[in-house]
N, C-alpha and C. Protein backbone atom coordinates (compact mmCIF):
# COMPACT_ATOMS: atom_id res chain seq x y z
N UNK A 1 -110.67 197.25 25.79
CA UNK A 1 -109.23 197.31 25.71
C UNK A 1 -108.66 196.89 27.06
N UNK A 2 -107.60 196.09 27.01
CA UNK A 2 -106.97 195.66 28.25
C UNK A 2 -106.06 196.75 28.79
N UNK A 3 -105.71 196.60 30.03
CA UNK A 3 -104.86 197.57 30.71
C UNK A 3 -103.44 197.51 30.11
N UNK A 4 -102.80 198.69 29.89
CA UNK A 4 -101.42 198.66 29.40
C UNK A 4 -100.51 197.90 30.36
N UNK A 5 -99.53 197.23 29.80
CA UNK A 5 -98.62 196.41 30.59
C UNK A 5 -97.41 197.22 31.01
N UNK A 6 -97.00 197.07 32.26
CA UNK A 6 -95.75 197.68 32.69
C UNK A 6 -94.61 196.99 31.97
N UNK A 7 -93.59 197.75 31.66
CA UNK A 7 -92.44 197.19 30.97
C UNK A 7 -91.62 196.32 31.89
N UNK A 8 -91.10 195.26 31.35
CA UNK A 8 -90.17 194.41 32.08
C UNK A 8 -88.90 195.23 32.31
N UNK A 9 -88.38 195.15 33.51
CA UNK A 9 -87.19 195.92 33.83
C UNK A 9 -86.07 195.64 32.84
N UNK A 10 -85.45 196.68 32.35
CA UNK A 10 -84.35 196.54 31.41
C UNK A 10 -84.76 196.69 29.96
N UNK A 11 -86.05 196.57 29.67
CA UNK A 11 -86.48 196.66 28.28
C UNK A 11 -86.73 198.10 27.85
N UNK A 12 -86.95 198.99 28.80
CA UNK A 12 -87.22 200.39 28.45
C UNK A 12 -86.04 201.00 27.69
N UNK A 13 -84.83 200.74 28.14
CA UNK A 13 -83.65 201.28 27.46
C UNK A 13 -83.63 200.82 26.00
N UNK A 14 -83.88 199.56 25.78
CA UNK A 14 -83.88 199.00 24.42
C UNK A 14 -84.95 199.67 23.56
N UNK A 15 -86.14 199.86 24.11
CA UNK A 15 -87.22 200.49 23.35
C UNK A 15 -86.91 201.95 23.03
N UNK A 16 -86.31 202.65 23.96
CA UNK A 16 -85.94 204.05 23.72
C UNK A 16 -84.88 204.12 22.63
N UNK A 17 -83.86 203.28 22.73
CA UNK A 17 -82.80 203.30 21.72
C UNK A 17 -83.35 203.00 20.33
N UNK A 18 -84.24 202.02 20.25
CA UNK A 18 -84.83 201.67 18.95
C UNK A 18 -85.67 202.83 18.41
N UNK A 19 -86.38 203.50 19.29
CA UNK A 19 -87.24 204.61 18.86
C UNK A 19 -86.42 205.78 18.33
N UNK A 20 -85.37 206.15 19.04
CA UNK A 20 -84.57 207.30 18.57
C UNK A 20 -83.63 206.92 17.43
N UNK A 21 -83.47 205.61 17.18
CA UNK A 21 -82.68 205.18 16.02
C UNK A 21 -83.39 205.55 14.73
N UNK A 22 -84.70 205.65 14.78
CA UNK A 22 -85.48 205.96 13.59
C UNK A 22 -85.41 207.44 13.24
N UNK A 23 -85.44 208.30 14.28
CA UNK A 23 -85.33 209.74 14.08
C UNK A 23 -85.18 210.41 15.44
N UNK A 24 -84.52 211.57 15.51
CA UNK A 24 -84.45 212.29 16.78
C UNK A 24 -85.85 212.62 17.27
N UNK A 25 -86.03 212.52 18.59
CA UNK A 25 -87.38 212.69 19.12
C UNK A 25 -87.30 213.21 20.55
N UNK A 26 -88.27 214.01 20.98
CA UNK A 26 -88.32 214.48 22.36
C UNK A 26 -89.00 213.44 23.24
N UNK A 27 -88.85 213.60 24.56
CA UNK A 27 -89.31 212.60 25.51
C UNK A 27 -90.77 212.20 25.34
N UNK A 28 -91.63 213.19 25.27
CA UNK A 28 -93.06 212.89 25.15
C UNK A 28 -93.32 212.12 23.85
N UNK A 29 -92.64 212.50 22.78
CA UNK A 29 -92.79 211.81 21.49
C UNK A 29 -92.34 210.36 21.57
N UNK A 30 -91.25 210.13 22.32
CA UNK A 30 -90.75 208.75 22.48
C UNK A 30 -91.81 207.90 23.18
N UNK A 31 -92.37 208.44 24.26
CA UNK A 31 -93.39 207.68 25.00
C UNK A 31 -94.61 207.41 24.13
N UNK A 32 -95.04 208.41 23.38
CA UNK A 32 -96.22 208.26 22.52
C UNK A 32 -95.97 207.24 21.40
N UNK A 33 -94.78 207.28 20.84
CA UNK A 33 -94.46 206.35 19.73
C UNK A 33 -94.43 204.91 20.23
N UNK A 34 -93.82 204.69 21.40
CA UNK A 34 -93.79 203.33 21.95
C UNK A 34 -95.21 202.83 22.21
N UNK A 35 -96.04 203.69 22.76
CA UNK A 35 -97.43 203.30 23.03
C UNK A 35 -98.18 203.02 21.73
N UNK A 36 -97.98 203.87 20.72
CA UNK A 36 -98.67 203.70 19.44
C UNK A 36 -98.22 202.43 18.73
N UNK A 37 -96.91 202.25 18.61
CA UNK A 37 -96.38 201.09 17.89
C UNK A 37 -96.78 199.79 18.59
N UNK A 38 -96.85 199.80 19.92
CA UNK A 38 -97.23 198.59 20.66
C UNK A 38 -98.75 198.41 20.72
N UNK A 39 -99.48 199.26 20.02
CA UNK A 39 -100.95 199.22 20.01
C UNK A 39 -101.50 199.30 21.43
N UNK A 40 -100.96 200.24 22.19
CA UNK A 40 -101.37 200.56 23.56
C UNK A 40 -101.06 199.47 24.57
N UNK A 41 -100.30 198.46 24.19
CA UNK A 41 -99.92 197.41 25.14
C UNK A 41 -98.85 197.90 26.10
N UNK A 42 -98.02 198.83 25.64
CA UNK A 42 -96.94 199.36 26.48
C UNK A 42 -97.18 200.84 26.74
N UNK A 43 -97.05 201.21 27.99
CA UNK A 43 -97.21 202.60 28.38
C UNK A 43 -95.99 203.02 29.18
N UNK A 44 -95.30 204.05 28.71
CA UNK A 44 -94.08 204.52 29.38
C UNK A 44 -94.45 205.71 30.25
N UNK A 45 -94.24 205.55 31.53
CA UNK A 45 -94.56 206.64 32.47
C UNK A 45 -93.40 207.63 32.52
N UNK A 46 -93.77 208.91 32.72
CA UNK A 46 -92.76 209.98 32.79
C UNK A 46 -91.71 209.68 33.86
N UNK A 47 -92.14 209.12 34.98
CA UNK A 47 -91.22 208.82 36.08
C UNK A 47 -90.18 207.77 35.73
N UNK A 48 -90.44 206.98 34.72
CA UNK A 48 -89.46 205.99 34.27
C UNK A 48 -88.70 206.49 33.04
N UNK A 49 -89.38 207.25 32.20
CA UNK A 49 -88.78 207.70 30.93
C UNK A 49 -87.59 208.63 31.14
N UNK A 50 -87.78 209.68 31.90
CA UNK A 50 -86.72 210.70 31.99
C UNK A 50 -85.48 210.19 32.71
N UNK A 51 -85.60 209.41 33.78
CA UNK A 51 -84.38 208.82 34.34
C UNK A 51 -83.66 207.90 33.34
N UNK A 52 -84.44 207.18 32.54
CA UNK A 52 -83.83 206.30 31.53
C UNK A 52 -83.11 207.12 30.47
N UNK A 53 -83.72 208.22 30.02
CA UNK A 53 -83.07 209.08 29.03
C UNK A 53 -81.77 209.66 29.60
N UNK A 54 -81.82 210.09 30.84
CA UNK A 54 -80.61 210.63 31.48
C UNK A 54 -79.53 209.55 31.57
N UNK A 55 -79.93 208.35 31.96
CA UNK A 55 -78.97 207.23 32.08
C UNK A 55 -78.35 206.90 30.71
N UNK A 56 -79.16 206.86 29.68
CA UNK A 56 -78.67 206.55 28.33
C UNK A 56 -77.73 207.64 27.82
N UNK A 57 -78.04 208.87 28.18
CA UNK A 57 -77.18 209.99 27.79
C UNK A 57 -75.84 209.89 28.52
N UNK A 58 -75.88 209.55 29.80
CA UNK A 58 -74.66 209.40 30.59
C UNK A 58 -73.78 208.27 30.05
N UNK A 59 -74.41 207.23 29.52
CA UNK A 59 -73.67 206.09 28.95
C UNK A 59 -73.07 206.44 27.58
N UNK A 60 -73.52 207.55 27.00
CA UNK A 60 -73.02 207.95 25.69
C UNK A 60 -73.75 207.27 24.55
N UNK A 61 -74.91 206.69 24.83
CA UNK A 61 -75.66 205.98 23.79
C UNK A 61 -76.66 206.87 23.07
N UNK A 62 -77.03 207.97 23.70
CA UNK A 62 -77.88 208.96 23.04
C UNK A 62 -77.28 210.34 23.27
N UNK A 63 -77.65 211.25 22.39
CA UNK A 63 -77.20 212.64 22.49
C UNK A 63 -78.46 213.51 22.54
N UNK A 64 -78.42 214.55 23.37
CA UNK A 64 -79.59 215.43 23.49
C UNK A 64 -79.23 216.84 23.07
N UNK A 65 -80.14 217.48 22.38
CA UNK A 65 -79.97 218.90 22.07
C UNK A 65 -81.35 219.55 22.01
N UNK A 66 -81.35 220.83 22.36
CA UNK A 66 -82.62 221.55 22.43
C UNK A 66 -83.11 221.91 21.03
N UNK A 67 -84.42 221.88 20.88
CA UNK A 67 -85.04 222.26 19.63
C UNK A 67 -86.48 222.67 19.90
N UNK A 68 -87.17 223.09 18.87
CA UNK A 68 -88.57 223.48 18.99
C UNK A 68 -89.47 222.31 18.61
N UNK A 69 -90.45 222.05 19.45
CA UNK A 69 -91.38 220.96 19.18
C UNK A 69 -92.40 221.39 18.14
N UNK A 70 -93.25 220.44 17.75
CA UNK A 70 -94.27 220.71 16.74
C UNK A 70 -95.28 221.76 17.20
N UNK A 71 -95.38 222.00 18.52
CA UNK A 71 -96.27 223.05 19.02
C UNK A 71 -95.48 224.25 19.57
N UNK A 72 -94.30 224.47 18.99
CA UNK A 72 -93.44 225.63 19.29
C UNK A 72 -93.01 225.74 20.75
N UNK A 73 -92.79 224.62 21.39
CA UNK A 73 -92.23 224.61 22.74
C UNK A 73 -90.80 224.11 22.66
N UNK A 74 -89.97 224.60 23.58
CA UNK A 74 -88.60 224.12 23.65
C UNK A 74 -88.62 222.71 24.22
N UNK A 75 -87.90 221.83 23.60
CA UNK A 75 -87.86 220.44 24.06
C UNK A 75 -86.48 219.86 23.74
N UNK A 76 -86.06 218.93 24.56
CA UNK A 76 -84.81 218.22 24.30
C UNK A 76 -85.08 217.10 23.32
N UNK A 77 -84.33 217.10 22.23
CA UNK A 77 -84.46 216.04 21.23
C UNK A 77 -83.30 215.07 21.41
N UNK A 78 -83.64 213.80 21.43
CA UNK A 78 -82.65 212.75 21.66
C UNK A 78 -82.39 212.01 20.35
N UNK A 79 -81.12 211.75 20.10
CA UNK A 79 -80.75 210.97 18.92
C UNK A 79 -79.71 209.92 19.32
N UNK A 80 -79.61 208.90 18.52
CA UNK A 80 -78.71 207.79 18.80
C UNK A 80 -77.28 208.14 18.40
N UNK A 81 -76.32 207.81 19.23
CA UNK A 81 -74.91 208.00 18.90
C UNK A 81 -74.39 206.74 18.20
N UNK A 82 -73.18 206.81 17.70
CA UNK A 82 -72.57 205.63 17.07
C UNK A 82 -72.45 204.49 18.08
N UNK A 83 -72.02 204.84 19.31
CA UNK A 83 -71.90 203.82 20.37
C UNK A 83 -73.28 203.26 20.71
N UNK A 84 -74.30 204.12 20.69
CA UNK A 84 -75.66 203.67 20.96
C UNK A 84 -76.17 202.71 19.91
N UNK A 85 -75.82 202.99 18.65
CA UNK A 85 -76.25 202.09 17.56
C UNK A 85 -75.62 200.71 17.71
N UNK A 86 -74.35 200.71 18.08
CA UNK A 86 -73.64 199.44 18.27
C UNK A 86 -74.25 198.67 19.44
N UNK A 87 -74.53 199.38 20.53
CA UNK A 87 -75.14 198.75 21.71
C UNK A 87 -76.54 198.23 21.37
N UNK A 88 -77.31 199.02 20.64
CA UNK A 88 -78.66 198.60 20.24
C UNK A 88 -78.61 197.32 19.42
N UNK A 89 -77.71 197.25 18.46
CA UNK A 89 -77.61 196.05 17.62
C UNK A 89 -77.32 194.81 18.48
N UNK A 90 -76.40 194.96 19.41
CA UNK A 90 -76.03 193.84 20.28
C UNK A 90 -77.19 193.43 21.18
N UNK A 91 -77.83 194.41 21.80
CA UNK A 91 -78.93 194.11 22.73
C UNK A 91 -80.16 193.58 22.00
N UNK A 92 -80.42 194.09 20.80
CA UNK A 92 -81.58 193.60 20.04
C UNK A 92 -81.37 192.15 19.63
N UNK A 93 -80.16 191.81 19.21
CA UNK A 93 -79.87 190.42 18.85
C UNK A 93 -80.03 189.50 20.06
N UNK A 94 -79.57 189.97 21.21
CA UNK A 94 -79.69 189.16 22.43
C UNK A 94 -81.16 189.01 22.82
N UNK A 95 -81.93 190.10 22.70
CA UNK A 95 -83.36 190.05 23.04
C UNK A 95 -84.09 189.07 22.12
N UNK A 96 -83.81 189.11 20.83
CA UNK A 96 -84.49 188.23 19.87
C UNK A 96 -84.13 186.76 20.14
N UNK A 97 -82.87 186.51 20.50
CA UNK A 97 -82.46 185.14 20.82
C UNK A 97 -83.19 184.65 22.07
N UNK A 98 -83.27 185.51 23.10
CA UNK A 98 -83.93 185.13 24.35
C UNK A 98 -85.44 184.93 24.16
N UNK A 99 -86.09 185.86 23.47
CA UNK A 99 -87.55 185.74 23.28
C UNK A 99 -87.89 184.54 22.42
N UNK A 100 -87.04 184.20 21.47
CA UNK A 100 -87.25 183.01 20.66
C UNK A 100 -87.15 181.75 21.52
N UNK A 101 -86.15 181.72 22.40
CA UNK A 101 -85.98 180.56 23.29
C UNK A 101 -87.16 180.42 24.24
N UNK A 102 -87.64 181.53 24.78
CA UNK A 102 -88.80 181.48 25.68
C UNK A 102 -90.02 180.99 24.92
N UNK A 103 -90.20 181.46 23.69
CA UNK A 103 -91.32 181.02 22.86
C UNK A 103 -91.29 179.52 22.61
N UNK A 104 -90.09 178.99 22.39
CA UNK A 104 -89.98 177.54 22.19
C UNK A 104 -90.44 176.78 23.42
N UNK A 105 -90.06 177.25 24.59
CA UNK A 105 -90.44 176.57 25.83
C UNK A 105 -91.94 176.69 26.06
N UNK A 106 -92.49 177.90 25.89
CA UNK A 106 -93.92 178.11 26.14
C UNK A 106 -94.81 177.37 25.16
N UNK A 107 -94.34 177.19 23.94
CA UNK A 107 -95.16 176.51 22.93
C UNK A 107 -94.89 175.02 22.84
N UNK A 108 -94.05 174.53 23.72
CA UNK A 108 -93.72 173.11 23.72
C UNK A 108 -94.94 172.27 24.08
N UNK A 109 -95.14 171.20 23.34
CA UNK A 109 -96.25 170.30 23.64
C UNK A 109 -95.75 168.90 23.99
N UNK A 110 -94.45 168.72 23.96
CA UNK A 110 -93.87 167.42 24.28
C UNK A 110 -93.51 167.37 25.76
N UNK A 111 -93.72 166.23 26.37
CA UNK A 111 -93.36 166.07 27.77
C UNK A 111 -91.95 165.56 27.91
């Protein structure tokens, strides 16, 4: 297995928003889901995750509330707000347009 890749700056917010759009989730669960879905290619470190969650909460894109985790521990569960959903849709469309354009350049065989 290859070494997990560090996230490109700015993409962590998008991945977190997409993850909590599916269902409310606590921090550790968010990191585990991103790693699982990416087939271990992406690894979110705690030192990057929690500042990002705080930043997203401050922006009003996610909402946090305390709940009990699957192992009966208190944990903050994060969910997407209406503003967060709108921002996610815009950023996801921009990301897909950009990655498609980069793919065209990288796969170009014409001089």
